[in-house]
Amino acid sequence: MAGPGLLIAGLVALAASWLSEHYGAPVMLFALLLGIAVNFLSQDPRCQPGIEFASRGILRLGVALLGMRITVDQIQSLGVNSLALTAAAVLLTILCGWLLARILKLETSFGVLTGGAVAICGASAALAIASVLPHSPTHERDTVVTVVSVTALSTIAMIVYPVLTIALGFDAHTAGVFLGATIHDVAQVVGAGYSISNDAGDAATIVKLFRVALLLPVVIVIGFLFRTGHEAGAGKVRPPILPMFLVAFAVLVALNSTGWLPRSVNAGLQAASRWCLVIAIAALGTKTSLGDLVRVGWRPIAVIVAETIMVALIVLAGLFILDRS
């Protein structure tokens, strides 16, 4: 019976949303912290089915509904150079995460998880990638560490990066491309871009949405690679090569691109996506104990910080090359 667990996740999500609206901090961070605070409930057999469903099923629905944020026209408006630079930064950041994980003797899945979260769209990408990675004893802990870290770093970047673009003398469009291609979470990208100007905010938002669109091919590739490299045990069924929630994501992008949907429906589905992701992260928090997080150590945090610096350096280098060409 999933009712009690779903009710717990929903109440945590509501509390997190209220705190976010009144205190201005990221709602995902509040949902995680409040979820961790009621970790004891995940040990109750009455709550376990609902919490498990929220952290998996509702998560996948939320990721699928992210497709309502994106249209093909938005992506095309960026131009070939900006698209190529953003795609290259995403690929190189994920490879950087994989390499750093190997160097620091961490699980390669952790490097790919953090690299994808930093490269694409922060907490949402972390949740989507985690859903196609093989489960391990540290799976939930690694996901929580990634979400907390990228959310914190994204908030710092929202404050620091606009100042950096001004110091470097970027025009509004270039500043927007840099912010959209480097800051992890959508909300922080919007805040940073429009703090400079409307033009910078528009450019940053569109670049960010292109990164969100890259979630589809990235998750498909990661799921396929880990599926082929992770043999199913006795009695276990391998996950499908193309999960249905990713098919739904692609269908919704195509549908949103037609312009047929009324704005009220589009806004409603985007709000539903947000709530699904907040509920999922609340459920994930309830499955995580503070003791697990304390035992993580410095190496996972160092990987995420290094990936954040790396994506910024890649995009800066690309912008300077494009400016001189």
C-alpha atoms as a PDB file:
ATOM      1  CA  MET A   1       0.000   0.000   0.000  1.00  0.00           C
ATOM      2  CA  ALA A   2       1.713   3.158  -1.251  1.00  0.00           C
ATOM      3  CA  GLY A   3      -0.527   5.746   0.424  1.00  0.00           C
ATOM      4  CA  PRO A   4       1.396   6.496   3.649  1.00  0.00           C
ATOM      5  CA  GLY A   5       4.782   6.822   1.935  1.00  0.00           C
ATOM      6  CA  LEU A   6       3.384   9.019  -0.828  1.00  0.00           C
ATOM      7  CA  LEU A   7       1.704  11.203   1.787  1.00  0.00           C
ATOM      8  CA  ILE A   8       5.012  11.637   3.635  1.00  0.00           C
ATOM      9  CA  ALA A   9       6.878  12.565   0.411  1.00  0.00           C
ATOM     10  CA  GLY A  10       4.091  14.963  -0.572  1.00  0.00           C
ATOM     11  CA  LEU A  11       4.067  16.709   2.802  1.00  0.00           C
ATOM     12  CA  VAL A  12       7.842  17.102   2.736  1.00  0.00           C
ATOM     13  CA  ALA A  13       7.591  18.552  -0.787  1.00  0.00           C
ATOM     14  CA  LEU A  14       4.909  21.030   0.304  1.00  0.00           C
ATOM     15  CA  ALA A  15       6.983  22.153   3.279  1.00  0.00           C
ATOM     16  CA  ALA A  16      10.073  22.517   1.061  1.00  0.00           C
ATOM     17  CA  SER A  17       8.136  24.590  -1.474  1.00  0.00           C
ATOM     18  CA  TRP A  18       6.795  26.900   1.260  1.00  0.00           C
ATOM     19  CA  LEU A  19      10.284  27.418   2.707  1.00  0.00           C
ATOM     20  CA  SER A  20      11.731  28.057  -0.763  1.00  0.00           C
ATOM     21  CA  GLU A  21       9.097  30.676  -1.573  1.00  0.00           C
ATOM     22  CA  HIS A  22       9.582  32.495   1.735  1.00  0.00           C
ATOM     23  CA  TYR A  23      13.360  32.269   2.111  1.00  0.00           C
ATOM     24  CA  GLY A  24      14.592  32.181  -1.482  1.00  0.00           C
ATOM     25  CA  ALA A  25      16.749  29.031  -1.234  1.00  0.00           C
ATOM     26  CA  PRO A  26      16.518  26.218  -3.836  1.00  0.00           C
ATOM     27  CA  VAL A  27      13.443  24.046  -3.306  1.00  0.00           C
ATOM     28  CA  MET A  28      15.395  20.860  -4.157  1.00  0.00           C
ATOM     29  CA  LEU A  29      17.818  21.541  -1.315  1.00  0.00           C
ATOM     30  CA  PHE A  30      15.001  22.086   1.180  1.00  0.00           C
ATOM     31  CA  ALA A  31      13.253  18.907  -0.003  1.00  0.00           C
ATOM     32  CA  LEU A  32      16.428  16.878   0.481  1.00  0.00           C
ATOM     33  CA  LEU A  33      17.208  18.263   3.919  1.00  0.00           C
ATOM     34  CA  LEU A  34      13.650  17.872   5.198  1.00  0.00           C
ATOM     35  CA  GLY A  35      13.525  14.361   3.761  1.00  0.00           C
ATOM     36  CA  ILE A  36      16.742  13.435   5.556  1.00  0.00           C
ATOM     37  CA  ALA A  37      15.245  14.841   8.784  1.00  0.00           C
ATOM     38  CA  VAL A  38      12.434  12.244   8.614  1.00  0.00           C
ATOM     39  CA  ASN A  39      14.714   9.401   7.504  1.00  0.00           C
ATOM     40  CA  PHE A  40      13.332   7.176  10.283  1.00  0.00           C
ATOM     41  CA  LEU A  41      10.031   6.930   8.417  1.00  0.00           C
ATOM     42  CA  SER A  42      11.692   5.043   5.549  1.00  0.00           C
ATOM     43  CA  GLN A  43      12.273   2.170   7.991  1.00  0.00           C
ATOM     44  CA  ASP A  44       8.534   1.828   8.631  1.00  0.00           C
ATOM     45  CA  PRO A  45       7.118  -1.030   6.474  1.00  0.00           C
ATOM     46  CA  ARG A  46       3.914   0.965   5.961  1.00  0.00           C
ATOM     47  CA  CYS A  47       5.812   3.859   4.363  1.00  0.00           C
ATOM     48  CA  GLN A  48       8.389   1.962   2.320  1.00  0.00           C
ATOM     49  CA  PRO A  49       6.229   1.126  -0.762  1.00  0.00           C
ATOM     50  CA  GLY A  50       5.084   4.726  -1.237  1.00  0.00           C
ATOM     51  CA  ILE A  51       8.534   6.205  -0.689  1.00  0.00           C
ATOM     52  CA  GLU A  52      10.009   3.731  -3.165  1.00  0.00           C
ATOM     53  CA  PHE A  53       7.332   4.577  -5.753  1.00  0.00           C
ATOM     54  CA  ALA A  54       7.891   8.313  -5.281  1.00  0.00           C
ATOM     55  CA  SER A  55      11.671   8.000  -5.698  1.00  0.00           C
ATOM     56  CA  ARG A  56      11.293   5.961  -8.912  1.00  0.00           C
ATOM     57  CA  GLY A  57       7.914   6.194 -10.621  1.00  0.00           C
ATOM     58  CA  ILE A  58       7.112   9.828  -9.817  1.00  0.00           C
ATOM     59  CA  LEU A  59      10.716  10.742 -10.601  1.00  0.00           C
ATOM     60  CA  ARG A  60      10.435   9.327 -14.120  1.00  0.00           C
ATOM     61  CA  LEU A  61       7.144  11.115 -14.715  1.00  0.00           C
ATOM     62  CA  GLY A  62       8.779  14.404 -13.676  1.00  0.00           C
ATOM     63  CA  VAL A  63      11.718  13.854 -16.022  1.00  0.00           C
ATOM     64  CA  ALA A  64       9.367  13.027 -18.912  1.00  0.00           C
ATOM     65  CA  LEU A  65       7.407  16.243 -18.321  1.00  0.00           C
ATOM     66  CA  LEU A  66      10.631  18.278 -18.579  1.00  0.00           C
ATOM     67  CA  GLY A  67      10.046  17.994 -22.323  1.00  0.00           C
ATOM     68  CA  MET A  68       7.414  20.711 -21.995  1.00  0.00           C
ATOM     69  CA  ARG A  69      10.163  23.283 -21.360  1.00  0.00           C
ATOM     70  CA  ILE A  70      11.784  22.858 -24.760  1.00  0.00           C
ATOM     71  CA  THR A  71      10.947  23.544 -28.410  1.00  0.00           C
ATOM     72  CA  VAL A  72      12.956  22.884 -31.539  1.00  0.00           C
ATOM     73  CA  ASP A  73      12.713  26.565 -32.530  1.00  0.00           C
ATOM     74  CA  GLN A  74      14.382  27.618 -29.269  1.00  0.00           C
ATOM     75  CA  ILE A  75      17.284  25.308 -29.965  1.00  0.00           C
ATOM     76  CA  GLN A  76      17.667  26.459 -33.584  1.00  0.00           C
ATOM     77  CA  SER A  77      17.722  30.121 -32.535  1.00  0.00           C
ATOM     78  CA  LEU A  78      21.079  29.637 -30.793  1.00  0.00           C
ATOM     79  CA  GLY A  79      23.092  29.206 -33.972  1.00  0.00           C
ATOM     80  CA  VAL A  80      25.508  26.427 -34.897  1.00  0.00           C
ATOM     81  CA  ASN A  81      28.518  27.781 -32.981  1.00  0.00           C
ATOM     82  CA  SER A  82      26.728  28.123 -29.644  1.00  0.00           C
ATOM     83  CA  LEU A  83      25.097  24.711 -30.060  1.00  0.00           C
ATOM     84  CA  ALA A  84      28.420  23.055 -30.874  1.00  0.00           C
ATOM     85  CA  LEU A  85      30.200  24.719 -27.953  1.00  0.00           C
ATOM     86  CA  THR A  86      27.473  23.743 -25.484  1.00  0.00           C
ATOM     87  CA  ALA A  87      27.360  20.136 -26.724  1.00  0.00           C
ATOM     88  CA  ALA A  88      31.157  19.863 -26.548  1.00  0.00           C
ATOM     89  CA  ALA A  89      31.166  21.231 -22.999  1.00  0.00           C
ATOM     90  CA  VAL A  90      28.560  18.656 -21.955  1.00  0.00           C
ATOM     91  CA  LEU A  91      30.518  15.759 -23.449  1.00  0.00           C
ATOM     92  CA  LEU A  92      33.889  16.861 -22.076  1.00  0.00           C
ATOM     93  CA  THR A  93      32.477  17.470 -18.588  1.00  0.00           C
ATOM     94  CA  ILE A  94      30.992  13.971 -18.413  1.00  0.00           C
ATOM     95  CA  LEU A  95      34.300  12.487 -19.612  1.00  0.00           C
ATOM     96  CA  CYS A  96      36.089  14.590 -16.995  1.00  0.00           C
ATOM     97  CA  GLY A  97      33.843  13.166 -14.272  1.00  0.00           C
ATOM     98  CA  TRP A  98      34.490   9.613 -15.433  1.00  0.00           C
ATOM     99  CA  LEU A  99      38.257  10.190 -15.521  1.00  0.00           C
ATOM    100  CA  LEU A 100      38.383  11.903 -12.117  1.00  0.00           C
ATOM    101  CA  ALA A 101      36.391   9.075 -10.544  1.00  0.00           C
ATOM    102  CA  ARG A 102      38.909   6.555 -11.854  1.00  0.00           C
ATOM    103  CA  ILE A 103      41.869   8.644 -10.672  1.00  0.00           C
ATOM    104  CA  LEU A 104      40.404   9.019  -7.164  1.00  0.00           C
ATOM    105  CA  LYS A 105      39.357   5.346  -7.042  1.00  0.00           C
ATOM    106  CA  LEU A 106      35.627   6.052  -6.933  1.00  0.00           C
ATOM    107  CA  GLU A 107      32.911   4.150  -8.776  1.00  0.00           C
ATOM    108  CA  THR A 108      32.840   5.123 -12.461  1.00  0.00           C
ATOM    109  CA  SER A 109      29.060   5.381 -12.170  1.00  0.00           C
ATOM    110  CA  PHE A 110      29.558   8.174  -9.623  1.00  0.00           C
ATOM    111  CA  GLY A 111      31.808  10.087 -12.024  1.00  0.00           C
ATOM    112  CA  VAL A 112      29.255   9.761 -14.815  1.00  0.00           C
ATOM    113  CA  LEU A 113      26.406  10.750 -12.479  1.00  0.00           C
ATOM    114  CA  THR A 114      28.146  13.896 -11.236  1.00  0.00           C
ATOM    115  CA  GLY A 115      29.515  14.778 -14.674  1.00  0.00           C
ATOM    116  CA  GLY A 116      26.039  14.561 -16.186  1.00  0.00           C
ATOM    117  CA  ALA A 117      24.493  16.613 -13.383  1.00  0.00           C
ATOM    118  CA  VAL A 118      27.099  19.375 -13.756  1.00  0.00           C
ATOM    119  CA  ALA A 119      27.034  19.264 -17.555  1.00  0.00           C
ATOM    120  CA  ILE A 120      23.281  19.274 -18.154  1.00  0.00           C
ATOM    121  CA  CYS A 121      20.798  20.566 -15.593  1.00  0.00           C
ATOM    122  CA  GLY A 122      21.885  19.945 -12.045  1.00  0.00           C
ATOM    123  CA  ALA A 123      19.497  18.127  -9.738  1.00  0.00           C
ATOM    124  CA  SER A 124      17.047  17.131 -12.496  1.00  0.00           C
ATOM    125  CA  ALA A 125      19.814  15.527 -14.560  1.00  0.00           C
ATOM    126  CA  ALA A 126      21.217  13.781 -11.477  1.00  0.00           C
ATOM    127  CA  LEU A 127      17.829  12.209 -10.809  1.00  0.00           C
ATOM    128  CA  ALA A 128      17.320  11.179 -14.443  1.00  0.00           C
ATOM    129  CA  ILE A 129      20.796   9.640 -14.800  1.00  0.00           C
ATOM    130  CA  ALA A 130      20.538   7.890 -11.425  1.00  0.00           C
ATOM    131  CA  SER A 131      17.327   6.225 -12.619  1.00  0.00           C
ATOM    132  CA  VAL A 132      19.172   4.325 -15.386  1.00  0.00           C
ATOM    133  CA  LEU A 133      22.341   3.474 -13.446  1.00  0.00           C
ATOM    134  CA  PRO A 134      22.643   0.030 -11.843  1.00  0.00           C
ATOM    135  CA  HIS A 135      21.687  -0.032  -8.185  1.00  0.00           C
ATOM    136  CA  SER A 136      24.431  -0.410  -5.619  1.00  0.00           C
ATOM    137  CA  PRO A 137      24.632  -0.112  -1.817  1.00  0.00           C
ATOM    138  CA  THR A 138      25.642   3.560  -2.192  1.00  0.00           C
ATOM    139  CA  HIS A 139      23.244   4.463  -5.018  1.00  0.00           C
ATOM    140  CA  GLU A 140      20.893   6.710  -3.024  1.00  0.00           C
ATOM    141  CA  ARG A 141      23.744   8.261  -1.049  1.00  0.00           C
ATOM    142  CA  ASP A 142      25.676   9.137  -4.212  1.00  0.00           C
ATOM    143  CA  THR A 143      22.572  10.721  -5.745  1.00  0.00           C
ATOM    144  CA  VAL A 144      21.899  12.820  -2.646  1.00  0.00           C
ATOM    145  CA  VAL A 145      25.528  13.984  -2.436  1.00  0.00           C
ATOM    146  CA  THR A 146      25.388  14.971  -6.104  1.00  0.00           C
ATOM    147  CA  VAL A 147      22.124  16.898  -5.761  1.00  0.00           C
ATOM    148  CA  VAL A 148      23.260  18.769  -2.637  1.00  0.00           C
ATOM    149  CA  SER A 149      26.648  19.635  -4.142  1.00  0.00           C
ATOM    150  CA  VAL A 150      25.452  20.808  -7.561  1.00  0.00           C
ATOM    151  CA  THR A 151      22.663  22.854  -5.979  1.00  0.00           C
ATOM    152  CA  ALA A 152      25.098  24.595  -3.638  1.00  0.00           C
ATOM    153  CA  LEU A 153      27.644  25.225  -6.403  1.00  0.00           C
ATOM    154  CA  SER A 154      24.924  26.458  -8.748  1.00  0.00           C
ATOM    155  CA  THR A 155      23.805  29.017  -6.165  1.00  0.00           C
ATOM    156  CA  ILE A 156      27.392  30.229  -5.738  1.00  0.00           C
ATOM    157  CA  ALA A 157      27.800  30.453  -9.526  1.00  0.00           C
ATOM    158  CA  MET A 158      24.588  32.504  -9.808  1.00  0.00           C
ATOM    159  CA  ILE A 159      26.249  35.171  -7.656  1.00  0.00           C
ATOM    160  CA  VAL A 160      29.838  34.965  -8.942  1.00  0.00           C
ATOM    161  CA  TYR A 161      29.485  34.361 -12.694  1.00  0.00           C
ATOM    162  CA  PRO A 162      27.600  37.572 -13.631  1.00  0.00           C
ATOM    163  CA  VAL A 163      30.395  39.557 -11.974  1.00  0.00           C
ATOM    164  CA  LEU A 164      32.938  37.496 -13.924  1.00  0.00           C
ATOM    165  CA  THR A 165      31.234  38.181 -17.276  1.00  0.00           C
ATOM    166  CA  ILE A 166      31.275  41.925 -16.581  1.00  0.00           C
ATOM    167  CA  ALA A 167      34.953  41.784 -15.591  1.00  0.00           C
ATOM    168  CA  LEU A 168      35.749  39.955 -18.840  1.00  0.00           C
ATOM    169  CA  GLY A 169      33.887  42.566 -20.884  1.00  0.00           C
ATOM    170  CA  PHE A 170      31.345  40.177 -22.408  1.00  0.00           C
ATOM    171  CA  ASP A 171      28.406  41.657 -24.298  1.00  0.00           C
ATOM    172  CA  ALA A 172      24.883  40.591 -23.316  1.00  0.00           C
ATOM    173  CA  HIS A 173      24.668  37.680 -25.785  1.00  0.00           C
ATOM    174  CA  THR A 174      28.096  36.261 -24.916  1.00  0.00           C
ATOM    175  CA  ALA A 175      27.411  36.628 -21.191  1.00  0.00           C
ATOM    176  CA  GLY A 176      24.105  34.805 -21.642  1.00  0.00           C
ATOM    177  CA  VAL A 177      25.754  31.940 -23.516  1.00  0.00           C
ATOM    178  CA  PHE A 178      28.393  31.595 -20.796  1.00  0.00           C
ATOM    179  CA  LEU A 179      25.839  31.607 -17.969  1.00  0.00           C
ATOM    180  CA  GLY A 180      23.491  29.219 -19.744  1.00  0.00           C
ATOM    181  CA  ALA A 181      26.290  26.791 -20.596  1.00  0.00           C
ATOM    182  CA  THR A 182      27.934  26.673 -17.153  1.00  0.00           C
ATOM    183  CA  ILE A 183      25.432  27.142 -14.291  1.00  0.00           C
ATOM    184  CA  HIS A 184      23.857  23.862 -13.239  1.00  0.00           C
ATOM    185  CA  ASP A 185      20.199  24.512 -12.366  1.00  0.00           C
ATOM    186  CA  VAL A 186      17.618  26.264 -14.543  1.00  0.00           C
ATOM    187  CA  ALA A 187      16.381  28.615 -11.800  1.00  0.00           C
ATOM    188  CA  GLN A 188      19.895  29.873 -11.076  1.00  0.00           C
ATOM    189  CA  VAL A 189      20.591  30.385 -14.778  1.00  0.00           C
ATOM    190  CA  VAL A 190      17.481  32.544 -15.098  1.00  0.00           C
ATOM    191  CA  GLY A 191      18.393  34.529 -11.980  1.00  0.00           C
ATOM    192  CA  ALA A 192      21.972  35.131 -13.131  1.00  0.00           C
ATOM    193  CA  GLY A 193      21.056  36.025 -16.727  1.00  0.00           C
ATOM    194  CA  TYR A 194      18.335  38.546 -15.970  1.00  0.00           C
ATOM    195  CA  SER A 195      20.487  40.143 -13.273  1.00  0.00           C
ATOM    196  CA  ILE A 196      22.644  41.419 -16.164  1.00  0.00           C
ATOM    197  CA  SER A 197      19.984  42.357 -18.726  1.00  0.00           C
ATOM    198  CA  ASN A 198      16.911  41.028 -20.513  1.00  0.00           C
ATOM    199  CA  ASP A 199      18.967  40.078 -23.578  1.00  0.00           C
ATOM    200  CA  ALA A 200      21.480  38.166 -21.438  1.00  0.00           C
ATOM    201  CA  GLY A 201      18.642  36.457 -19.587  1.00  0.00           C
ATOM    202  CA  ASP A 202      16.948  35.375 -22.823  1.00  0.00           C
ATOM    203  CA  ALA A 203      20.198  33.980 -24.265  1.00  0.00           C
ATOM    204  CA  ALA A 204      21.082  32.207 -20.999  1.00  0.00           C
ATOM    205  CA  THR A 205      17.643  30.604 -20.752  1.00  0.00           C
ATOM    206  CA  ILE A 206      17.683  29.283 -24.330  1.00  0.00           C
ATOM    207  CA  VAL A 207      21.217  27.859 -23.958  1.00  0.00           C
ATOM    208  CA  LYS A 208      20.157  26.212 -20.723  1.00  0.00           C
ATOM    209  CA  LEU A 209      17.109  24.683 -22.363  1.00  0.00           C
ATOM    210  CA  PHE A 210      19.358  23.230 -25.057  1.00  0.00           C
ATOM    211  CA  ARG A 211      21.400  21.593 -22.296  1.00  0.00           C
ATOM    212  CA  VAL A 212      18.154  20.189 -20.879  1.00  0.00           C
ATOM    213  CA  ALA A 213      17.341  18.808 -24.341  1.00  0.00           C
ATOM    214  CA  LEU A 214      20.676  16.973 -24.313  1.00  0.00           C
ATOM    215  CA  LEU A 215      19.404  15.046 -21.305  1.00  0.00           C
ATOM    216  CA  LEU A 216      17.619  12.646 -23.661  1.00  0.00           C
ATOM    217  CA  PRO A 217      20.613  11.398 -25.704  1.00  0.00           C
ATOM    218  CA  VAL A 218      22.930  11.471 -22.681  1.00  0.00           C
ATOM    219  CA  VAL A 219      20.634   9.334 -20.510  1.00  0.00           C
ATOM    220  CA  ILE A 220      20.029   6.907 -23.382  1.00  0.00           C
ATOM    221  CA  VAL A 221      23.773   6.457 -23.969  1.00  0.00           C
ATOM    222  CA  ILE A 222      24.587   6.143 -20.256  1.00  0.00           C
ATOM    223  CA  GLY A 223      21.760   3.644 -19.734  1.00  0.00           C
ATOM    224  CA  PHE A 224      22.929   1.570 -22.700  1.00  0.00           C
ATOM    225  CA  LEU A 225      26.598   1.565 -21.626  1.00  0.00           C
ATOM    226  CA  PHE A 226      25.842   0.544 -18.051  1.00  0.00           C
ATOM    227  CA  ARG A 227      23.243  -1.952 -19.216  1.00  0.00           C
ATOM    228  CA  THR A 228      25.759  -3.771 -21.399  1.00  0.00           C
ATOM    229  CA  GLY A 229      28.483  -3.568 -18.780  1.00  0.00           C
ATOM    230  CA  HIS A 230      26.319  -4.734 -15.878  1.00  0.00           C
ATOM    231  CA  GLU A 231      25.076  -8.299 -16.155  1.00  0.00           C
ATOM    232  CA  ALA A 232      21.729  -9.009 -14.604  1.00  0.00           C
ATOM    233  CA  GLY A 233      21.828 -11.431 -11.718  1.00  0.00           C
ATOM    234  CA  ALA A 234      19.708 -14.536 -11.325  1.00  0.00           C
ATOM    235  CA  GLY A 235      16.035 -13.709 -11.578  1.00  0.00           C
ATOM    236  CA  LYS A 236      16.705 -10.093 -12.488  1.00  0.00           C
ATOM    237  CA  VAL A 237      15.491  -8.488 -15.695  1.00  0.00           C
ATOM    238  CA  ARG A 238      17.683  -6.014 -17.511  1.00  0.00           C
ATOM    239  CA  PRO A 239      16.218  -2.550 -17.921  1.00  0.00           C
ATOM    240  CA  PRO A 240      15.027  -1.636 -21.432  1.00  0.00           C
ATOM    241  CA  ILE A 241      17.520  -0.001 -23.803  1.00  0.00           C
ATOM    242  CA  LEU A 242      15.144   2.953 -24.245  1.00  0.00           C
ATOM    243  CA  PRO A 243      13.127   3.618 -21.064  1.00  0.00           C
ATOM    244  CA  MET A 244       9.566   4.755 -21.697  1.00  0.00           C
ATOM    245  CA  PHE A 245       9.985   7.966 -19.702  1.00  0.00           C
ATOM    246  CA  LEU A 246      12.642   9.082 -22.211  1.00  0.00           C
ATOM    247  CA  VAL A 247      10.326   8.240 -25.099  1.00  0.00           C
ATOM    248  CA  ALA A 248       7.683  10.393 -23.396  1.00  0.00           C
ATOM    249  CA  PHE A 249      10.250  13.193 -22.977  1.00  0.00           C
ATOM    250  CA  ALA A 250      10.979  13.178 -26.740  1.00  0.00           C
ATOM    251  CA  VAL A 251       7.273  13.058 -27.629  1.00  0.00           C
ATOM    252  CA  LEU A 252       6.518  16.036 -25.384  1.00  0.00           C
ATOM    253  CA  VAL A 253       9.374  18.070 -26.909  1.00  0.00           C
ATOM    254  CA  ALA A 254       7.913  17.383 -30.356  1.00  0.00           C
ATOM    255  CA  LEU A 255       4.389  18.208 -29.182  1.00  0.00           C
ATOM    256  CA  ASN A 256       5.519  21.406 -27.480  1.00  0.00           C
ATOM    257  CA  SER A 257       7.345  22.437 -30.671  1.00  0.00           C
ATOM    258  CA  THR A 258       4.118  22.358 -32.688  1.00  0.00           C
ATOM    259  CA  GLY A 259       2.617  25.212 -30.666  1.00  0.00           C
ATOM    260  CA  TRP A 260      -0.737  23.412 -30.540  1.00  0.00           C
ATOM    261  CA  LEU A 261      -0.939  23.279 -26.761  1.00  0.00           C
ATOM    262  CA  PRO A 262      -2.540  26.263 -25.007  1.00  0.00           C
ATOM    263  CA  ARG A 263      -0.186  28.181 -22.725  1.00  0.00           C
ATOM    264  CA  SER A 264      -2.255  27.238 -19.691  1.00  0.00           C
ATOM    265  CA  VAL A 265      -1.791  23.529 -20.441  1.00  0.00           C
ATOM    266  CA  ASN A 266       1.933  23.987 -21.042  1.00  0.00           C
ATOM    267  CA  ALA A 267       2.330  25.902 -17.779  1.00  0.00           C
ATOM    268  CA  GLY A 268       0.320  23.274 -15.923  1.00  0.00           C
ATOM    269  CA  LEU A 269       2.485  20.425 -17.210  1.00  0.00           C
ATOM    270  CA  GLN A 270       5.668  22.314 -16.361  1.00  0.00           C
ATOM    271  CA  ALA A 271       4.358  22.868 -12.834  1.00  0.00           C
ATOM    272  CA  ALA A 272       3.492  19.160 -12.627  1.00  0.00           C
ATOM    273  CA  SER A 273       7.057  18.304 -13.658  1.00  0.00           C
ATOM    274  CA  ARG A 274       8.440  20.529 -10.919  1.00  0.00           C
ATOM    275  CA  TRP A 275       6.204  18.994  -8.268  1.00  0.00           C
ATOM    276  CA  CYS A 276       7.029  15.456  -9.371  1.00  0.00           C
ATOM    277  CA  LEU A 277      10.761  16.154  -9.100  1.00  0.00           C
ATOM    278  CA  VAL A 278      10.397  17.826  -5.687  1.00  0.00           C
ATOM    279  CA  ILE A 279       8.340  14.879  -4.379  1.00  0.00           C
ATOM    280  CA  ALA A 280      10.912  12.432  -5.786  1.00  0.00           C
ATOM    281  CA  ILE A 281      13.839  14.245  -4.182  1.00  0.00           C
ATOM    282  CA  ALA A 282      11.936  14.390  -0.872  1.00  0.00           C
ATOM    283  CA  ALA A 283      11.458  10.624  -1.047  1.00  0.00           C
ATOM    284  CA  LEU A 284      15.129  10.167  -1.875  1.00  0.00           C
ATOM    285  CA  GLY A 285      16.010  12.268   1.161  1.00  0.00           C
ATOM    286  CA  THR A 286      13.937  10.057   3.463  1.00  0.00           C
ATOM    287  CA  LYS A 287      15.983   7.059   2.248  1.00  0.00           C
ATOM    288  CA  THR A 288      19.259   8.757   3.210  1.00  0.00           C
ATOM    289  CA  SER A 289      20.761   9.008   6.691  1.00  0.00           C
ATOM    290  CA  LEU A 290      23.136  11.724   7.855  1.00  0.00           C
ATOM    291  CA  GLY A 291      25.577   9.019   8.883  1.00  0.00           C
ATOM    292  CA  ASP A 292      25.838   7.877   5.263  1.00  0.00           C
ATOM    293  CA  LEU A 293      26.610  11.427   4.114  1.00  0.00           C
ATOM    294  CA  VAL A 294      29.265  11.943   6.794  1.00  0.00           C
ATOM    295  CA  ARG A 295      31.093   8.841   5.585  1.00  0.00           C
ATOM    296  CA  VAL A 296      31.335  10.121   2.011  1.00  0.00           C
ATOM    297  CA  GLY A 297      34.671  11.919   2.537  1.00  0.00           C
ATOM    298  CA  TRP A 298      36.330  14.652   0.504  1.00  0.00           C
ATOM    299  CA  ARG A 299      36.909  12.864  -2.787  1.00  0.00           C
ATOM    300  CA  PRO A 300      33.320  12.925  -4.160  1.00  0.00           C
ATOM    301  CA  ILE A 301      33.015  16.631  -3.335  1.00  0.00           C
ATOM    302  CA  ALA A 302      36.379  17.298  -4.999  1.00  0.00           C
ATOM    303  CA  VAL A 303      35.150  15.579  -8.178  1.00  0.00           C
ATOM    304  CA  ILE A 304      32.036  17.768  -8.391  1.00  0.00           C
ATOM    305  CA  VAL A 305      33.981  20.988  -7.715  1.00  0.00           C
ATOM    306  CA  ALA A 306      36.560  20.037 -10.352  1.00  0.00           C
ATOM    307  CA  GLU A 307      33.804  19.312 -12.897  1.00  0.00           C
ATOM    308  CA  THR A 308      32.226  22.704 -12.181  1.00  0.00           C
ATOM    309  CA  ILE A 309      35.537  24.479 -12.773  1.00  0.00           C
ATOM    310  CA  MET A 310      36.185  22.375 -15.871  1.00  0.00           C
ATOM    311  CA  VAL A 311      32.893  23.226 -17.612  1.00  0.00           C
ATOM    312  CA  ALA A 312      33.471  26.937 -16.953  1.00  0.00           C
ATOM    313  CA  LEU A 313      36.999  26.782 -18.406  1.00  0.00           C
ATOM    314  CA  ILE A 314      35.833  24.825 -21.474  1.00  0.00           C
ATOM    315  CA  VAL A 315      33.078  27.340 -22.241  1.00  0.00           C
ATOM    316  CA  LEU A 316      35.371  30.337 -21.643  1.00  0.00           C
ATOM    317  CA  ALA A 317      37.995  28.881 -23.970  1.00  0.00           C
ATOM    318  CA  GLY A 318      35.351  28.190 -26.607  1.00  0.00           C
ATOM    319  CA  LEU A 319      33.934  31.704 -26.407  1.00  0.00           C
ATOM    320  CA  PHE A 320      37.372  33.277 -26.806  1.00  0.00           C
ATOM    321  CA  ILE A 321      38.100  31.049 -29.815  1.00  0.00           C
ATOM    322  CA  LEU A 322      34.760  31.954 -31.426  1.00  0.00           C
ATOM    323  CA  ASP A 323      35.379  35.640 -30.748  1.00  0.00           C
ATOM    324  CA  ARG A 324      38.724  35.543 -32.576  1.00  0.00           C
ATOM    325  CA  SER A 325      37.514  33.482 -35.536  1.00  0.00           C
END
